[in-house]
Amino acid sequence: PASTLNWSLVEEVARQAVFSRATEEEMGCLPQYVRGTATWLSILHRYEHLLIFDVLLGGYIEHRNGDKTAVCAKGEDYRDSVAVSGSYVMSSGAHYAEFLITGTSPCIGIVRPM
């Protein structure tokens, strides 16, 4: 779609990158552009970092510093806690996870639909 708004070159490149790479389903998960609220650059960043843990189960887990892309254990008995990313769709490309392990006996599992 052609842009008729007067915005910066950076915003236009970000807008074009989102429209050329995101599927219709992925576009539905992204925030909508609203002048003064969500910039195309912020939407592109969100597109490139879609994995969020939107469901936390158990009493010993929380989002780290309010960031829904990271979780951490709270308290000592963290074995019965689970973080779930229910809004992420693996479509193509490389996927990876990074872990910062500070305890002595972590128990980590990654599951995806078959």
C-alpha atoms as a PDB file:
ATOM      1  CA  PRO A   1       0.000   0.000   0.000  1.00  0.00           C
ATOM      2  CA  ALA A   2       1.245   3.433  -0.876  1.00  0.00           C
ATOM      3  CA  SER A   3       1.747   5.946   1.884  1.00  0.00           C
ATOM      4  CA  THR A   4       0.080   9.347   1.647  1.00  0.00           C
ATOM      5  CA  LEU A   5       1.150  10.551   5.095  1.00  0.00           C
ATOM      6  CA  ASN A   6       4.042  12.930   5.626  1.00  0.00           C
ATOM      7  CA  TRP A   7       6.491  11.015   7.834  1.00  0.00           C
ATOM      8  CA  SER A   8      10.212  10.392   7.932  1.00  0.00           C
ATOM      9  CA  LEU A   9      12.130   8.123   5.580  1.00  0.00           C
ATOM     10  CA  VAL A  10      12.833   5.803   8.532  1.00  0.00           C
ATOM     11  CA  GLU A  11       9.111   5.457   9.248  1.00  0.00           C
ATOM     12  CA  GLU A  12       8.371   4.738   5.571  1.00  0.00           C
ATOM     13  CA  VAL A  13      11.076   2.059   5.361  1.00  0.00           C
ATOM     14  CA  ALA A  14       9.798   0.456   8.568  1.00  0.00           C
ATOM     15  CA  ARG A  15       6.212   0.504   7.219  1.00  0.00           C
ATOM     16  CA  GLN A  16       7.286  -1.114   3.958  1.00  0.00           C
ATOM     17  CA  ALA A  17       9.315  -3.750   5.817  1.00  0.00           C
ATOM     18  CA  VAL A  18       6.297  -4.710   7.940  1.00  0.00           C
ATOM     19  CA  PHE A  19       3.924  -4.911   4.954  1.00  0.00           C
ATOM     20  CA  SER A  20       6.384  -6.875   2.809  1.00  0.00           C
ATOM     21  CA  ARG A  21       7.326  -9.455   5.458  1.00  0.00           C
ATOM     22  CA  ALA A  22       4.368  -9.969   7.803  1.00  0.00           C
ATOM     23  CA  THR A  23       1.612 -12.419   6.955  1.00  0.00           C
ATOM     24  CA  GLU A  24      -2.026 -11.462   7.452  1.00  0.00           C
ATOM     25  CA  GLU A  25      -2.148 -13.517  10.662  1.00  0.00           C
ATOM     26  CA  GLU A  26       1.023 -11.848  11.979  1.00  0.00           C
ATOM     27  CA  MET A  27      -0.395  -8.416  11.092  1.00  0.00           C
ATOM     28  CA  GLY A  28      -3.403  -9.248  13.270  1.00  0.00           C
ATOM     29  CA  CYS A  29      -1.109  -9.705  16.286  1.00  0.00           C
ATOM     30  CA  LEU A  30       0.711  -6.407  15.805  1.00  0.00           C
ATOM     31  CA  PRO A  31      -0.407  -3.074  17.252  1.00  0.00           C
ATOM     32  CA  GLN A  32      -2.151  -0.782  14.788  1.00  0.00           C
ATOM     33  CA  TYR A  33      -0.468   2.402  13.592  1.00  0.00           C
ATOM     34  CA  VAL A  34      -1.938   5.383  15.417  1.00  0.00           C
ATOM     35  CA  ARG A  35      -0.236   8.721  14.869  1.00  0.00           C
ATOM     36  CA  GLY A  36       1.435   9.822  18.100  1.00  0.00           C
ATOM     37  CA  THR A  37       0.876   6.454  19.798  1.00  0.00           C
ATOM     38  CA  ALA A  38       2.487   3.648  17.783  1.00  0.00           C
ATOM     39  CA  THR A  39       5.164   4.396  15.198  1.00  0.00           C
ATOM     40  CA  TRP A  40       5.963   2.084  12.288  1.00  0.00           C
ATOM     41  CA  LEU A  41       9.438   1.660  13.749  1.00  0.00           C
ATOM     42  CA  SER A  42       7.938   0.389  17.017  1.00  0.00           C
ATOM     43  CA  ILE A  43       5.581  -1.915  15.067  1.00  0.00           C
ATOM     44  CA  LEU A  44       8.547  -3.310  13.094  1.00  0.00           C
ATOM     45  CA  HIS A  45      10.424  -3.918  16.356  1.00  0.00           C
ATOM     46  CA  ARG A  46       7.398  -5.727  17.754  1.00  0.00           C
ATOM     47  CA  TYR A  47       7.155  -7.818  14.557  1.00  0.00           C
ATOM     48  CA  GLU A  48      10.783  -8.862  14.901  1.00  0.00           C
ATOM     49  CA  HIS A  49      10.283  -9.740  18.602  1.00  0.00           C
ATOM     50  CA  LEU A  50       6.838 -11.343  18.723  1.00  0.00           C
ATOM     51  CA  LEU A  51       7.514 -13.992  21.353  1.00  0.00           C
ATOM     52  CA  ILE A  52       5.913 -12.943  24.599  1.00  0.00           C
ATOM     53  CA  PHE A  53       4.959 -15.072  27.568  1.00  0.00           C
ATOM     54  CA  ASP A  54       1.307 -14.144  27.901  1.00  0.00           C
ATOM     55  CA  VAL A  55       0.362 -16.873  30.377  1.00  0.00           C
ATOM     56  CA  LEU A  56       2.207 -17.552  33.644  1.00  0.00           C
ATOM     57  CA  LEU A  57       1.106 -20.596  35.643  1.00  0.00           C
ATOM     58  CA  GLY A  58       2.193 -21.237  39.215  1.00  0.00           C
ATOM     59  CA  GLY A  59       2.942 -18.977  42.106  1.00  0.00           C
ATOM     60  CA  TYR A  60       6.693 -18.781  41.702  1.00  0.00           C
ATOM     61  CA  ILE A  61       7.172 -17.114  38.331  1.00  0.00           C
ATOM     62  CA  GLU A  62       6.874 -13.533  37.129  1.00  0.00           C
ATOM     63  CA  HIS A  63       7.761 -11.317  34.185  1.00  0.00           C
ATOM     64  CA  ARG A  64      11.252  -9.881  34.671  1.00  0.00           C
ATOM     65  CA  ASN A  65      10.961  -6.128  35.279  1.00  0.00           C
ATOM     66  CA  GLY A  66       7.500  -6.119  33.674  1.00  0.00           C
ATOM     67  CA  ASP A  67       8.938  -7.320  30.325  1.00  0.00           C
ATOM     68  CA  LYS A  68       6.607  -9.976  28.896  1.00  0.00           C
ATOM     69  CA  THR A  69       9.424 -11.418  26.766  1.00  0.00           C
ATOM     70  CA  ALA A  70      11.332 -12.569  29.866  1.00  0.00           C
ATOM     71  CA  VAL A  71      10.394 -14.494  32.988  1.00  0.00           C
ATOM     72  CA  CYS A  72      12.193 -15.292  36.211  1.00  0.00           C
ATOM     73  CA  ALA A  73      11.595 -17.399  39.285  1.00  0.00           C
ATOM     74  CA  LYS A  74      10.459 -15.706  42.440  1.00  0.00           C
ATOM     75  CA  GLY A  75      11.130 -17.448  45.691  1.00  0.00           C
ATOM     76  CA  GLU A  76      12.849 -20.751  46.226  1.00  0.00           C
ATOM     77  CA  ASP A  77      10.281 -23.336  45.072  1.00  0.00           C
ATOM     78  CA  TYR A  78      10.072 -22.533  41.359  1.00  0.00           C
ATOM     79  CA  ARG A  79       9.718 -26.092  40.041  1.00  0.00           C
ATOM     80  CA  ASP A  80       5.951 -25.910  39.650  1.00  0.00           C
ATOM     81  CA  SER A  81       5.838 -22.828  37.447  1.00  0.00           C
ATOM     82  CA  VAL A  82       5.322 -22.547  33.692  1.00  0.00           C
ATOM     83  CA  ALA A  83       5.570 -19.712  31.161  1.00  0.00           C
ATOM     84  CA  VAL A  84       3.478 -20.088  27.999  1.00  0.00           C
ATOM     85  CA  SER A  85       3.614 -18.126  24.774  1.00  0.00           C
ATOM     86  CA  GLY A  86       0.164 -18.674  23.355  1.00  0.00           C
ATOM     87  CA  SER A  87       0.161 -15.900  20.761  1.00  0.00           C
ATOM     88  CA  TYR A  88       3.283 -16.800  18.777  1.00  0.00           C
ATOM     89  CA  VAL A  89       3.043 -18.488  15.364  1.00  0.00           C
ATOM     90  CA  MET A  90       6.180 -20.162  14.021  1.00  0.00           C
ATOM     91  CA  SER A  91       5.876 -19.634  10.278  1.00  0.00           C
ATOM     92  CA  SER A  92       9.374 -19.869   8.855  1.00  0.00           C
ATOM     93  CA  GLY A  93      12.972 -18.926   9.498  1.00  0.00           C
ATOM     94  CA  ALA A  94      15.260 -19.617  12.414  1.00  0.00           C
ATOM     95  CA  HIS A  95      13.888 -19.674  15.947  1.00  0.00           C
ATOM     96  CA  TYR A  96      15.918 -19.726  19.116  1.00  0.00           C
ATOM     97  CA  ALA A  97      15.674 -19.172  22.852  1.00  0.00           C
ATOM     98  CA  GLU A  98      18.211 -17.758  25.257  1.00  0.00           C
ATOM     99  CA  PHE A  99      18.414 -18.726  28.900  1.00  0.00           C
ATOM    100  CA  LEU A 100      20.202 -16.964  31.739  1.00  0.00           C
ATOM    101  CA  ILE A 101      20.531 -19.674  34.361  1.00  0.00           C
ATOM    102  CA  THR A 102      21.360 -18.443  37.848  1.00  0.00           C
ATOM    103  CA  GLY A 103      20.224 -21.439  39.898  1.00  0.00           C
ATOM    104  CA  THR A 104      21.943 -24.762  40.471  1.00  0.00           C
ATOM    105  CA  SER A 105      19.407 -27.179  38.975  1.00  0.00           C
ATOM    106  CA  PRO A 106      17.283 -25.695  36.188  1.00  0.00           C
ATOM    107  CA  CYS A 107      14.509 -27.691  34.558  1.00  0.00           C
ATOM    108  CA  ILE A 108      13.767 -26.276  31.113  1.00  0.00           C
ATOM    109  CA  GLY A 109      11.495 -27.613  28.396  1.00  0.00           C
ATOM    110  CA  ILE A 110      10.436 -26.229  25.038  1.00  0.00           C
ATOM    111  CA  VAL A 111       7.359 -27.532  23.260  1.00  0.00           C
ATOM    112  CA  ARG A 112       5.837 -26.566  19.934  1.00  0.00           C
ATOM    113  CA  PRO A 113       2.820 -27.961  18.052  1.00  0.00           C
ATOM    114  CA  MET A 114       3.568 -30.736  15.574  1.00  0.00           C
END
